[in-house]
């Protein structure tokens, strides 16, 4: 964590300490009013206020106060649920309030806030890949494949050189041959795994037996690949792990009615390399989801107007948000209630106060698992691009955003020229190579805000937010020339190349999804009719 972030956290601690005496005073006044004139609504507000104190005080170092507030919160919860109160209960709450106030004044005299700078491990990664194995032909081909995806790779055959390189520069990923897993020197891999150093390990092997796979797992391997399989799948897996870390940080949306806690969690996650947005009004969540497009949602449970449980249930009914992982944050320690929260659509449950390193670890692991599952559901299995359904869904989202912010957007349809002839002449395996190559060219040529998908067969679709028609034509031309210069080899050693044609349509010229796609398709037809290997824009 840098000193600037630590400084912001220090300021939050100071501000919380400054406001806490008034907060305790207001809670006592609130309770005196309820004790004299009880209403269910006032009791619910009081319960939420105590819940907020319980979570925030523990986070900001007032642990004894948090424990005392938790005792009161649990007692209040029973009364709120019963929708009634007795004189005996009023007396008990008054005693608990007096105890909590006393504990606050005692604990505030000796409290000091923790420094969390050394508790967060950054997820910074780069496009450097270490390959540790001796098969020169295999490593050369792997290095070439990785290079085509924009990765730099270094091949090692000696353990000592590899160990020294690890000490100097931490790569984005390590690929190691299972033949090295028997060597004592490879304990460095176990050390990386055990110390939770943020580097991923892949294992490759000529053998797929259980013993070999167990060796890989014990060395900390996250994935296992047979050398006999096509290298493309290993390359794609590398890109899945590294690309998001390199080009796009994990995006987390925090929904918590406590501004202080939301800002605290935001700083902690930002220090771990994540992009964070937070809102304090749960009713603003749909707009925030559309604008920010988070990869994970961090939800408080007890909030006014709309609880975290209700919010999760609503989101799980919407197909666009059903796959977003939801992590609940609450002081609720009743296991049955936690399970009920998970049944309503949550993916994990963290009890406040949560240690910074535990918060980061939970968010990372849940987001990583969701990302893998999401890729199977949203990505085309051959190319790794968005599938047809998700292209349409993302186009709807981007069109809505362009309309709200009065920005431009372009939609591009790409079709590989004479692709049927490629399949008929060179075979479908070679045809698949051509499709994958175009996907690689698209992924390495587009911005991280752009979206590419396989529309169907040899047709591809590209969504370009904040892009004018002229800029889209220029970009398409560069990609087309780059792809046409790729050389493919047949099984008998013949070289051949392939071109594509493209059609482009722009928003606001066409204001809805149907007309945008239809217009891009018409432009594509024009490009093919005029001789192929060109791009056209449909003007209407």
Protein backbone atom coordinates (compact mmCIF):
# COMPACT_ATOMS: atom_id res chain seq x y z
CA UNK A 1 0.00 0.00 0.00
CA UNK A 2 1.42 3.40 -0.95
CA UNK A 3 1.77 6.26 1.51
CA UNK A 4 -1.01 8.24 -0.20
CA UNK A 5 -3.56 5.47 0.39
CA UNK A 6 -2.34 4.97 3.95
CA UNK A 7 -2.74 8.70 4.47
CA UNK A 8 -6.36 8.56 3.30
CA UNK A 9 -7.02 5.66 5.68
CA UNK A 10 -5.42 7.62 8.53
CA UNK A 11 -7.73 10.52 7.75
CA UNK A 12 -10.76 8.20 7.85
CA UNK A 13 -9.72 6.94 11.31
CA UNK A 14 -9.30 10.49 12.59
CA UNK A 15 -12.65 11.62 11.15
CA UNK A 16 -14.46 8.58 12.57
CA UNK A 17 -12.97 9.21 16.03
CA UNK A 18 -13.99 12.88 15.83
CA UNK A 19 -17.62 12.09 15.01
CA UNK A 20 -18.08 9.07 17.27
CA UNK A 21 -18.89 10.93 20.55
CA UNK A 22 -21.75 12.79 18.82
CA UNK A 23 -22.93 9.51 17.32
CA UNK A 24 -23.08 7.86 20.75
CA UNK A 25 -24.92 10.91 22.12
CA UNK A 26 -27.47 10.80 19.26
CA UNK A 27 -28.09 7.10 19.84
CA UNK A 28 -28.83 7.74 23.51
CA UNK A 29 -31.23 10.55 22.58
CA UNK A 30 -32.85 8.34 19.96
CA UNK A 31 -33.42 5.60 22.52
CA UNK A 32 -34.83 8.02 25.13
CA UNK A 33 -37.37 9.18 22.58
CA UNK A 34 -38.35 5.59 21.67
CA UNK A 35 -38.62 4.56 25.34
CA UNK A 36 -41.09 7.40 25.89
CA UNK A 37 -43.03 6.99 22.64
CA UNK A 38 -42.47 3.62 20.99
CA UNK A 39 -43.27 2.96 17.33
CA UNK A 40 -42.23 0.03 15.24
CA UNK A 41 -40.73 2.29 12.55
CA UNK A 42 -38.63 4.18 15.10
CA UNK A 43 -37.45 0.86 16.57
CA UNK A 44 -36.39 -0.38 13.14
CA UNK A 45 -34.39 2.82 12.55
CA UNK A 46 -32.75 2.45 15.95
CA UNK A 47 -31.87 -1.17 15.24
CA UNK A 48 -30.24 -0.20 11.92
CA UNK A 49 -28.27 2.55 13.66
CA UNK A 50 -26.92 0.12 16.27
CA UNK A 51 -26.12 -2.37 13.49
CA UNK A 52 -24.14 0.33 11.71
CA UNK A 53 -22.24 1.21 14.88
CA UNK A 54 -21.42 -2.45 15.49
CA UNK A 55 -19.83 -2.87 12.05
CA UNK A 56 -18.07 0.48 11.78
CA UNK A 57 -16.66 0.62 15.32
CA UNK A 58 -14.99 -2.76 14.93
CA UNK A 59 -13.55 -1.74 11.57
CA UNK A 60 -12.07 1.45 13.01
CA UNK A 61 -10.47 -0.22 16.01
CA UNK A 62 -13.13 0.15 18.75
CA UNK A 63 -13.39 -3.61 19.31
CA UNK A 64 -14.89 -3.51 22.81
CA UNK A 65 -17.52 -1.05 21.62
CA UNK A 66 -18.30 -3.28 18.66
CA UNK A 67 -18.82 -6.30 20.91
CA UNK A 68 -21.10 -4.32 23.22
CA UNK A 69 -23.09 -2.93 20.28
CA UNK A 70 -23.43 -6.44 18.89
CA UNK A 71 -25.02 -7.67 22.15
CA UNK A 72 -27.51 -4.81 21.95
CA UNK A 73 -28.16 -5.42 18.25
CA UNK A 74 -29.00 -9.09 18.82
CA UNK A 75 -31.40 -8.16 21.62
CA UNK A 76 -33.07 -5.47 19.49
CA UNK A 77 -33.48 -7.85 16.57
CA UNK A 78 -35.80 -10.09 18.59
CA UNK A 79 -37.97 -7.13 19.56
CA UNK A 80 -38.15 -5.74 16.04
CA UNK A 81 -39.19 -9.14 14.72
CA UNK A 82 -41.84 -9.51 17.48
CA UNK A 83 -43.24 -6.06 16.62
CA UNK A 84 -43.85 -5.22 20.28
CA UNK A 85 -42.01 -4.11 23.43
CA UNK A 86 -42.52 -4.54 27.19
CA UNK A 87 -41.43 -2.49 30.21
CA UNK A 88 -38.94 -5.22 31.05
CA UNK A 89 -37.43 -4.98 27.56
CA UNK A 90 -37.21 -1.19 27.81
CA UNK A 91 -35.29 -1.56 31.07
CA UNK A 92 -32.92 -4.13 29.51
CA UNK A 93 -32.20 -1.96 26.48
CA UNK A 94 -31.52 1.01 28.75
CA UNK A 95 -29.00 -1.08 30.71
CA UNK A 96 -27.31 -2.24 27.49
CA UNK A 97 -27.16 1.34 26.20
CA UNK A 98 -25.59 2.52 29.49
CA UNK A 99 -23.05 -0.32 29.30
CA UNK A 100 -22.21 0.46 25.68
CA UNK A 101 -21.76 4.18 26.43
CA UNK A 102 -19.50 3.39 29.39
CA UNK A 103 -17.37 1.04 27.30
CA UNK A 104 -17.01 3.72 24.61
CA UNK A 105 -15.60 6.29 27.04
CA UNK A 106 -13.19 3.75 28.53
CA UNK A 107 -11.96 2.28 25.20
CA UNK A 108 -11.59 5.64 23.44
CA UNK A 109 -8.89 6.70 25.89
CA UNK A 110 -6.44 3.95 24.91
CA UNK A 111 -7.42 3.17 21.34
CA UNK A 112 -4.98 3.45 18.43
CA UNK A 113 -5.78 2.60 14.84
CA UNK A 114 -3.82 -0.12 13.02
CA UNK A 115 -1.50 0.43 10.08
CA UNK A 116 -2.63 -1.82 7.27
CA UNK A 117 0.11 -1.03 4.76
CA UNK A 118 1.82 -4.39 5.14
CA UNK A 119 -1.37 -6.43 5.23
CA UNK A 120 -2.27 -6.04 1.54
CA UNK A 121 -0.45 -7.85 -1.22
CA UNK A 122 -0.77 -6.20 -4.60
CA UNK A 123 -1.96 -8.19 -7.58
CA UNK A 124 0.25 -6.28 -9.99
CA UNK A 125 1.19 -8.54 -12.88
CA UNK A 126 2.82 -8.04 -16.23
CA UNK A 127 2.99 -9.81 -19.55
CA UNK A 128 6.14 -11.69 -18.67
CA UNK A 129 5.87 -15.50 -18.74
CA UNK A 130 8.53 -17.89 -17.41
CA UNK A 131 8.70 -21.27 -19.17
CA UNK A 132 10.69 -23.95 -17.36
CA UNK A 133 11.33 -27.04 -19.50
CA UNK A 134 13.90 -28.62 -21.86
CA UNK A 135 11.95 -29.55 -25.01
CA UNK A 136 13.31 -26.84 -27.32
CA UNK A 137 10.82 -27.48 -30.12
CA UNK A 138 7.84 -27.34 -27.77
CA UNK A 139 9.06 -24.27 -25.88
CA UNK A 140 9.87 -22.48 -29.15
CA UNK A 141 6.36 -23.03 -30.47
CA UNK A 142 4.83 -22.06 -27.14
CA UNK A 143 6.94 -18.90 -27.03
CA UNK A 144 5.76 -18.05 -30.56
CA UNK A 145 2.09 -18.56 -29.65
CA UNK A 146 2.43 -16.41 -26.54
CA UNK A 147 4.19 -13.74 -28.55
CA UNK A 148 1.27 -13.55 -30.96
CA UNK A 149 -0.96 -12.74 -27.97
CA UNK A 150 1.35 -9.94 -26.81
CA UNK A 151 3.28 -11.83 -24.09
CA UNK A 152 7.03 -11.86 -23.53
CA UNK A 153 8.36 -15.24 -22.42
CA UNK A 154 11.71 -16.52 -21.17
CA UNK A 155 12.63 -20.21 -21.37
CA UNK A 156 14.72 -21.74 -18.56
CA UNK A 157 16.41 -25.13 -18.48
CA UNK A 158 18.45 -24.61 -15.33
CA UNK A 159 16.97 -24.36 -11.83
CA UNK A 160 19.57 -21.88 -10.57
CA UNK A 161 18.94 -19.38 -13.36
CA UNK A 162 15.23 -19.79 -12.83
CA UNK A 163 15.55 -19.19 -9.07
CA UNK A 164 17.61 -16.04 -9.61
CA UNK A 165 15.14 -14.71 -12.17
CA UNK A 166 12.24 -15.21 -9.74
CA UNK A 167 14.05 -13.19 -7.08
CA UNK A 168 14.63 -10.27 -9.47
CA UNK A 169 11.39 -10.13 -11.43
CA UNK A 170 8.07 -11.77 -10.62
CA UNK A 171 6.35 -12.89 -13.84
CA UNK A 172 2.66 -12.87 -14.59
CA UNK A 173 2.68 -16.67 -14.85
CA UNK A 174 5.05 -19.65 -14.67
CA UNK A 175 4.74 -22.69 -16.94
CA UNK A 176 6.75 -25.66 -15.68
CA UNK A 177 7.31 -29.15 -17.05
CA UNK A 178 6.28 -31.92 -14.65
CA UNK A 179 9.68 -33.55 -15.17
CA UNK A 180 11.12 -30.88 -12.87
CA UNK A 181 8.67 -31.53 -10.06
CA UNK A 182 10.75 -34.43 -8.74
CA UNK A 183 13.78 -32.22 -8.18
CA UNK A 184 14.59 -30.89 -4.71
CA UNK A 185 15.46 -27.51 -6.18
CA UNK A 186 11.84 -26.96 -7.19
CA UNK A 187 10.87 -26.26 -3.59
CA UNK A 188 10.85 -22.64 -4.75
CA UNK A 189 7.47 -23.38 -6.35
CA UNK A 190 6.02 -24.63 -3.08
CA UNK A 191 7.43 -21.55 -1.35
CA UNK A 192 5.71 -19.23 -3.82
CA UNK A 193 2.44 -21.08 -3.24
CA UNK A 194 2.72 -21.23 0.54
CA UNK A 195 3.67 -17.54 0.89
CA UNK A 196 0.63 -16.49 -1.14
CA UNK A 197 2.82 -14.61 -3.62
CA UNK A 198 0.55 -13.49 -6.48
CA UNK A 199 1.94 -15.54 -9.35
CA UNK A 200 0.08 -18.36 -11.08
CA UNK A 201 1.69 -21.70 -11.92
CA UNK A 202 0.68 -23.93 -14.85
CA UNK A 203 2.04 -27.45 -15.26
CA UNK A 204 2.66 -29.19 -18.60
CA UNK A 205 3.41 -32.87 -18.94
CA UNK A 206 3.72 -35.79 -21.33
CA UNK A 207 1.84 -37.92 -18.79
CA UNK A 208 -1.68 -37.45 -17.46
CA UNK A 209 -1.69 -40.04 -14.67
CA UNK A 210 -2.94 -39.21 -11.19
CA UNK A 211 0.52 -39.23 -9.56
CA UNK A 212 1.83 -36.63 -11.99
CA UNK A 213 -1.23 -34.46 -11.47
CA UNK A 214 -0.82 -34.74 -7.68
CA UNK A 215 2.78 -33.54 -7.97
CA UNK A 216 1.55 -30.53 -9.89
CA UNK A 217 -1.11 -29.74 -7.28
CA UNK A 218 1.42 -30.03 -4.44
CA UNK A 219 3.72 -27.61 -6.25
CA UNK A 220 0.86 -25.11 -6.34
CA UNK A 221 -0.23 -25.60 -9.95
CA UNK A 222 -3.51 -23.91 -10.93
CA UNK A 223 -3.90 -25.83 -14.21
CA UNK A 224 -2.56 -28.95 -15.90
CA UNK A 225 -2.01 -29.43 -19.65
CA UNK A 226 -0.86 -32.43 -21.68
CA UNK A 227 1.84 -31.64 -24.22
CA UNK A 228 0.02 -33.79 -26.75
CA UNK A 229 -2.90 -31.34 -26.78
CA UNK A 230 -3.01 -28.36 -29.10
CA UNK A 231 -0.96 -25.44 -27.81
CA UNK A 232 -3.81 -23.03 -28.50
CA UNK A 233 -5.71 -24.17 -25.41
CA UNK A 234 -2.70 -23.57 -23.17
CA UNK A 235 -2.18 -20.14 -24.73
CA UNK A 236 -5.84 -19.26 -24.23
CA UNK A 237 -5.68 -20.34 -20.57
CA UNK A 238 -2.60 -18.16 -20.08
CA UNK A 239 -4.46 -15.20 -21.55
CA UNK A 240 -7.51 -15.86 -19.33
CA UNK A 241 -5.32 -15.66 -16.22
CA UNK A 242 -3.07 -12.78 -17.24
CA UNK A 243 -5.08 -10.56 -19.55
CA UNK A 244 -7.51 -9.32 -16.90
CA UNK A 245 -4.62 -8.53 -14.54
CA UNK A 246 -2.68 -6.73 -17.24
CA UNK A 247 -5.33 -4.80 -19.08
CA UNK A 248 -8.29 -4.58 -16.73
CA UNK A 249 -8.35 -4.64 -12.95
CA UNK A 250 -11.12 -6.41 -11.08
CA UNK A 251 -14.04 -4.01 -10.73
CA UNK A 252 -15.91 -4.05 -7.42
CA UNK A 253 -19.14 -2.23 -6.63
CA UNK A 254 -19.74 -1.62 -2.91
CA UNK A 255 -23.27 -0.97 -1.64
CA UNK A 256 -23.27 0.15 2.01
CA UNK A 257 -25.38 2.86 3.61
CA UNK A 258 -22.40 3.83 5.78
CA UNK A 259 -20.30 6.31 3.78
CA UNK A 260 -17.37 5.85 6.16
CA UNK A 261 -17.31 2.04 5.79
CA UNK A 262 -17.86 2.16 2.03
CA UNK A 263 -14.91 4.50 1.63
CA UNK A 264 -12.78 2.34 3.94
CA UNK A 265 -13.47 -0.86 1.98
CA UNK A 266 -12.90 1.05 -1.24
CA UNK A 267 -9.42 2.16 -0.19
CA UNK A 268 -8.46 -1.33 0.97
CA UNK A 269 -9.50 -2.93 -2.33
CA UNK A 270 -7.93 -0.17 -4.40
CA UNK A 271 -4.66 -0.75 -2.56
CA UNK A 272 -4.87 -4.37 -3.74
CA UNK A 273 -5.05 -3.24 -7.38
CA UNK A 274 -8.82 -3.26 -7.89
CA UNK A 275 -11.08 -0.61 -9.40
CA UNK A 276 -13.81 0.29 -6.93
CA UNK A 277 -17.04 2.27 -7.01
CA UNK A 278 -19.31 2.64 -4.00
CA UNK A 279 -22.85 3.87 -3.44
CA UNK A 280 -24.68 4.45 -0.17
CA UNK A 281 -28.22 4.30 -1.54
CA UNK A 282 -29.18 0.74 -2.55
CA UNK A 283 -31.92 2.11 -4.84
CA UNK A 284 -29.18 3.48 -7.13
CA UNK A 285 -27.71 0.03 -7.77
CA UNK A 286 -29.14 -0.57 -11.27
CA UNK A 287 -27.70 2.66 -12.61
CA UNK A 288 -24.35 1.92 -10.96
CA UNK A 289 -24.30 -1.61 -12.43
CA UNK A 290 -24.92 -0.28 -15.94
CA UNK A 291 -22.38 2.51 -15.69
CA UNK A 292 -19.57 0.75 -13.81
CA UNK A 293 -20.02 -2.87 -15.02
CA UNK A 294 -18.51 -4.51 -11.90
CA UNK A 295 -17.11 -8.00 -11.75
CA UNK A 296 -18.27 -8.39 -8.13
CA UNK A 297 -20.83 -6.82 -5.79
CA UNK A 298 -20.05 -6.21 -2.11
CA UNK A 299 -23.36 -5.79 -0.24
CA UNK A 300 -24.27 -4.75 3.28
CA UNK A 301 -27.36 -6.63 4.51
CA UNK A 302 -29.12 -4.10 6.76
CA UNK A 303 -29.85 -0.92 4.80
CA UNK A 304 -32.85 1.45 4.78
CA UNK A 305 -35.38 1.38 1.91
CA UNK A 306 -33.96 -1.87 0.52
CA UNK A 307 -32.01 -4.56 2.38
CA UNK A 308 -29.06 -6.36 0.86
CA UNK A 309 -31.09 -9.57 0.80
CA UNK A 310 -33.91 -7.93 -1.16
CA UNK A 311 -31.40 -6.37 -3.53
CA UNK A 312 -29.72 -9.71 -4.20
CA UNK A 313 -33.09 -11.37 -4.86
CA UNK A 314 -34.01 -8.65 -7.39
CA UNK A 315 -30.68 -8.91 -9.21
CA UNK A 316 -30.87 -12.70 -9.44
CA UNK A 317 -34.16 -12.34 -11.31
CA UNK A 318 -32.47 -10.27 -14.03
CA UNK A 319 -30.52 -12.33 -16.57
CA UNK A 320 -28.06 -9.48 -17.14
CA UNK A 321 -26.98 -9.52 -13.48
CA UNK A 322 -27.58 -13.14 -12.52
CA UNK A 323 -23.92 -14.07 -12.99
CA UNK A 324 -22.37 -11.26 -10.94
CA UNK A 325 -20.91 -12.72 -7.72
CA UNK A 326 -22.35 -11.18 -4.57
CA UNK A 327 -20.42 -11.08 -1.29
CA UNK A 328 -22.45 -10.05 1.76
CA UNK A 329 -20.92 -7.94 4.52
CA UNK A 330 -22.72 -7.83 7.86
CA UNK A 331 -22.35 -8.12 11.62
CA UNK A 332 -24.85 -11.00 11.38
CA UNK A 333 -23.20 -14.08 12.92
CA UNK A 334 -26.27 -16.33 13.02
CA UNK A 335 -25.25 -19.18 10.71
CA UNK A 336 -28.83 -19.96 9.72
CA UNK A 337 -29.40 -16.36 8.65
CA UNK A 338 -26.12 -16.39 6.74
CA UNK A 339 -27.20 -19.52 4.90
CA UNK A 340 -30.54 -17.92 4.16
CA UNK A 341 -28.68 -14.96 2.65
CA UNK A 342 -26.64 -17.29 0.46
CA UNK A 343 -29.81 -19.07 -0.65
CA UNK A 344 -31.22 -15.75 -1.83
CA UNK A 345 -28.38 -15.32 -4.31
CA UNK A 346 -25.22 -14.57 -2.33
CA UNK A 347 -21.91 -16.25 -3.09
CA UNK A 348 -20.08 -15.55 0.15
CA UNK A 349 -20.66 -14.04 3.60
CA UNK A 350 -18.14 -11.97 5.56
CA UNK A 351 -18.80 -10.93 9.15
CA UNK A 352 -17.94 -7.36 10.17
CA UNK A 353 -15.46 -6.28 11.24
CA UNK A 354 -13.37 -8.01 8.58
CA UNK A 355 -9.59 -7.81 8.43
CA UNK A 356 -8.28 -6.06 5.30
CA UNK A 357 -6.33 -9.12 4.10
CA UNK A 358 -9.40 -11.34 4.58
CA UNK A 359 -11.57 -8.93 2.62
CA UNK A 360 -9.09 -8.83 -0.26
CA UNK A 361 -8.62 -12.62 -0.29
CA UNK A 362 -12.37 -13.29 -0.27
CA UNK A 363 -13.06 -10.83 -3.08
CA UNK A 364 -10.21 -12.16 -5.22
CA UNK A 365 -11.04 -15.83 -4.82
CA UNK A 366 -14.77 -15.35 -5.41
CA UNK A 367 -14.20 -13.14 -8.46
CA UNK A 368 -11.67 -15.56 -9.91
CA UNK A 369 -14.03 -18.51 -9.53
CA UNK A 370 -16.89 -16.53 -11.05
CA UNK A 371 -14.69 -15.42 -13.94
CA UNK A 372 -13.86 -19.01 -14.86
CA UNK A 373 -17.51 -20.08 -14.70
CA UNK A 374 -18.60 -17.00 -16.61
CA UNK A 375 -16.11 -17.67 -19.39
CA UNK A 376 -17.69 -21.07 -20.00
CA UNK A 377 -21.17 -19.55 -20.22
CA UNK A 378 -20.40 -16.34 -22.11
CA UNK A 379 -17.46 -17.24 -24.35
CA UNK A 380 -17.28 -19.12 -27.62
CA UNK A 381 -15.36 -22.33 -26.90
CA UNK A 382 -13.25 -22.20 -30.09
CA UNK A 383 -12.16 -18.56 -30.18
CA UNK A 384 -12.55 -17.42 -26.57
CA UNK A 385 -14.56 -14.40 -27.72
CA UNK A 386 -18.09 -13.54 -26.58
CA UNK A 387 -20.74 -15.89 -27.92
CA UNK A 388 -23.69 -14.73 -30.02
CA UNK A 389 -26.08 -14.24 -27.09
CA UNK A 390 -23.64 -12.17 -25.09
CA UNK A 391 -22.72 -10.01 -28.05
CA UNK A 392 -26.36 -8.96 -28.24
CA UNK A 393 -26.60 -8.41 -24.47
CA UNK A 394 -23.48 -6.23 -24.41
CA UNK A 395 -24.66 -4.27 -27.42
CA UNK A 396 -27.90 -3.46 -25.58
CA UNK A 397 -25.93 -2.29 -22.54
CA UNK A 398 -23.52 -0.16 -24.56
CA UNK A 399 -26.35 1.40 -26.58
CA UNK A 400 -28.13 2.32 -23.35
CA UNK A 401 -24.96 3.88 -21.97
CA UNK A 402 -24.30 5.81 -25.20
CA UNK A 403 -27.86 7.17 -25.08
CA UNK A 404 -27.56 8.29 -21.44
CA UNK A 405 -24.20 9.99 -21.89
CA UNK A 406 -24.86 11.29 -25.41
CA UNK A 407 -21.77 9.52 -26.78
CA UNK A 408 -20.99 7.65 -29.98
CA UNK A 409 -20.84 3.92 -30.61
CA UNK A 410 -20.03 1.74 -33.62
CA UNK A 411 -20.94 -1.85 -34.39
CA UNK A 412 -18.78 -3.85 -36.79
CA UNK A 413 -19.67 -7.09 -38.57
CA UNK A 414 -16.74 -9.11 -39.96
CA UNK A 415 -16.95 -12.08 -42.33
CA UNK A 416 -13.94 -14.13 -43.47
CA UNK A 417 -13.74 -14.15 -47.27
CA UNK A 418 -14.23 -17.51 -49.03
CA UNK A 419 -14.10 -19.38 -45.72
CA UNK A 420 -16.04 -22.35 -47.11
CA UNK A 421 -13.29 -22.75 -49.70
CA UNK A 422 -10.69 -22.78 -46.91
CA UNK A 423 -12.53 -25.61 -45.14
CA UNK A 424 -13.13 -27.55 -48.36
CA UNK A 425 -9.54 -27.16 -49.57
CA UNK A 426 -7.48 -27.44 -46.39
CA UNK A 427 -9.86 -29.11 -43.93
CA UNK A 428 -11.82 -27.97 -40.89
CA UNK A 429 -8.83 -28.21 -38.53
CA UNK A 430 -7.01 -25.61 -40.61
CA UNK A 431 -10.23 -23.59 -40.80
CA UNK A 432 -10.35 -23.55 -37.01
CA UNK A 433 -6.78 -22.19 -36.98
CA UNK A 434 -7.93 -19.31 -39.19
CA UNK A 435 -10.86 -18.52 -36.87
CA UNK A 436 -8.65 -18.55 -33.80
CA UNK A 437 -6.05 -16.36 -35.50
CA UNK A 438 -8.63 -13.71 -36.31
CA UNK A 439 -9.78 -13.77 -32.68
CA UNK A 440 -6.16 -13.25 -31.56
CA UNK A 441 -5.72 -10.31 -33.93
CA UNK A 442 -8.94 -8.75 -32.63
CA UNK A 443 -8.01 -9.20 -28.97
CA UNK A 444 -4.54 -7.68 -29.42
CA UNK A 445 -5.77 -4.77 -31.57
CA UNK A 446 -8.80 -3.57 -29.61
CA UNK A 447 -8.99 -1.39 -26.50
CA UNK A 448 -9.98 -2.96 -23.20
CA UNK A 449 -13.32 -1.14 -23.42
CA UNK A 450 -14.09 -2.69 -26.81
CA UNK A 451 -15.93 -6.00 -27.08
CA UNK A 452 -15.42 -8.72 -29.68
CA UNK A 453 -17.52 -11.82 -30.25
CA UNK A 454 -18.08 -14.68 -32.63
CA UNK A 455 -21.44 -13.92 -34.17
CA UNK A 456 -21.74 -17.30 -35.86
CA UNK A 457 -19.70 -19.52 -38.19
CA UNK A 458 -17.05 -17.31 -39.80
CA UNK A 459 -18.82 -14.08 -38.77
CA UNK A 460 -17.45 -11.90 -35.98
CA UNK A 461 -18.90 -8.83 -34.25
CA UNK A 462 -17.10 -5.92 -32.61
CA UNK A 463 -18.65 -3.27 -30.31
CA UNK A 464 -16.73 0.02 -30.17
CA UNK A 465 -17.97 2.41 -27.43
CA UNK A 466 -17.07 6.12 -27.68
CA UNK A 467 -15.95 5.66 -31.29
CA UNK A 468 -16.91 7.73 -34.33
CA UNK A 469 -17.66 6.12 -37.70
CA UNK A 470 -14.42 7.49 -39.16
CA UNK A 471 -12.33 6.10 -36.31
CA UNK A 472 -14.06 2.71 -36.64
CA UNK A 473 -13.27 2.55 -40.36
CA UNK A 474 -9.63 3.38 -39.68
CA UNK A 475 -9.35 0.75 -36.95
CA UNK A 476 -11.05 -1.88 -39.09
CA UNK A 477 -8.67 -1.20 -41.97
CA UNK A 478 -5.64 -1.71 -39.70
CA UNK A 479 -7.02 -4.99 -38.36
CA UNK A 480 -7.94 -6.18 -41.86
CA UNK A 481 -4.44 -5.49 -43.24
CA UNK A 482 -2.82 -7.17 -40.21
CA UNK A 483 -4.97 -10.27 -40.59
CA UNK A 484 -4.40 -10.50 -44.35
CA UNK A 485 -0.64 -10.58 -43.69
CA UNK A 486 -0.91 -13.69 -41.47
CA UNK A 487 0.49 -16.79 -43.13
CA UNK A 488 -1.18 -20.15 -42.53
CA UNK A 489 0.37 -23.53 -43.22
CA UNK A 490 -1.41 -26.64 -44.45
CA UNK A 491 -0.52 -30.11 -43.22
CA UNK A 492 1.60 -30.68 -46.35
CA UNK A 493 3.54 -27.42 -45.83
CA UNK A 494 1.72 -25.10 -48.24
CA UNK A 495 1.39 -21.43 -47.29
CA UNK A 496 -1.80 -19.45 -47.75
CA UNK A 497 -3.41 -16.27 -46.46
CA UNK A 498 -6.98 -15.14 -45.88
CA UNK A 499 -8.79 -11.79 -45.95
CA UNK A 500 -12.04 -10.53 -44.48
CA UNK A 501 -14.76 -8.05 -45.32
CA UNK A 502 -16.47 -5.80 -42.79
CA UNK A 503 -19.56 -3.65 -42.42
CA UNK A 504 -19.91 -0.82 -39.91
CA UNK A 505 -22.93 1.01 -38.53
CA UNK A 506 -22.87 3.89 -36.05
CA UNK A 507 -25.00 5.25 -33.22
CA UNK A 508 -26.79 7.71 -33.20
CA UNK A 509 -27.38 7.18 -36.93
CA UNK A 510 -29.17 3.98 -35.89
CA UNK A 511 -30.63 4.17 -32.41
CA UNK A 512 -31.65 0.60 -31.55
CA UNK A 513 -29.98 -2.80 -31.57
CA UNK A 514 -32.05 -4.27 -34.40
CA UNK A 515 -31.36 -1.43 -36.85
CA UNK A 516 -27.69 -1.17 -35.85
CA UNK A 517 -27.09 -4.87 -36.59
CA UNK A 518 -29.19 -4.77 -39.75
CA UNK A 519 -27.28 -1.74 -41.05
CA UNK A 520 -23.87 -3.24 -40.29
CA UNK A 521 -24.96 -6.40 -42.09
CA UNK A 522 -26.02 -4.35 -45.13
CA UNK A 523 -22.65 -2.62 -45.17
CA UNK A 524 -20.95 -6.03 -45.00
CA UNK A 525 -22.98 -7.17 -48.00
CA UNK A 526 -21.83 -4.06 -49.89
CA UNK A 527 -18.20 -4.79 -49.05
CA UNK A 528 -18.50 -8.33 -50.40
CA UNK A 529 -20.42 -7.18 -53.46
CA UNK A 530 -17.67 -4.67 -54.30
CA UNK A 531 -14.93 -7.30 -54.31
CA UNK A 532 -14.29 -8.31 -50.65
CA UNK A 533 -11.20 -7.54 -48.52
CA UNK A 534 -12.55 -4.11 -47.58
CA UNK A 535 -14.71 -2.30 -45.04
CA UNK A 536 -17.84 -0.27 -45.69
CA UNK A 537 -19.95 1.94 -43.48
CA UNK A 538 -23.72 2.07 -43.89
CA UNK A 539 -25.03 5.63 -44.02
CA UNK A 540 -28.71 4.84 -44.49
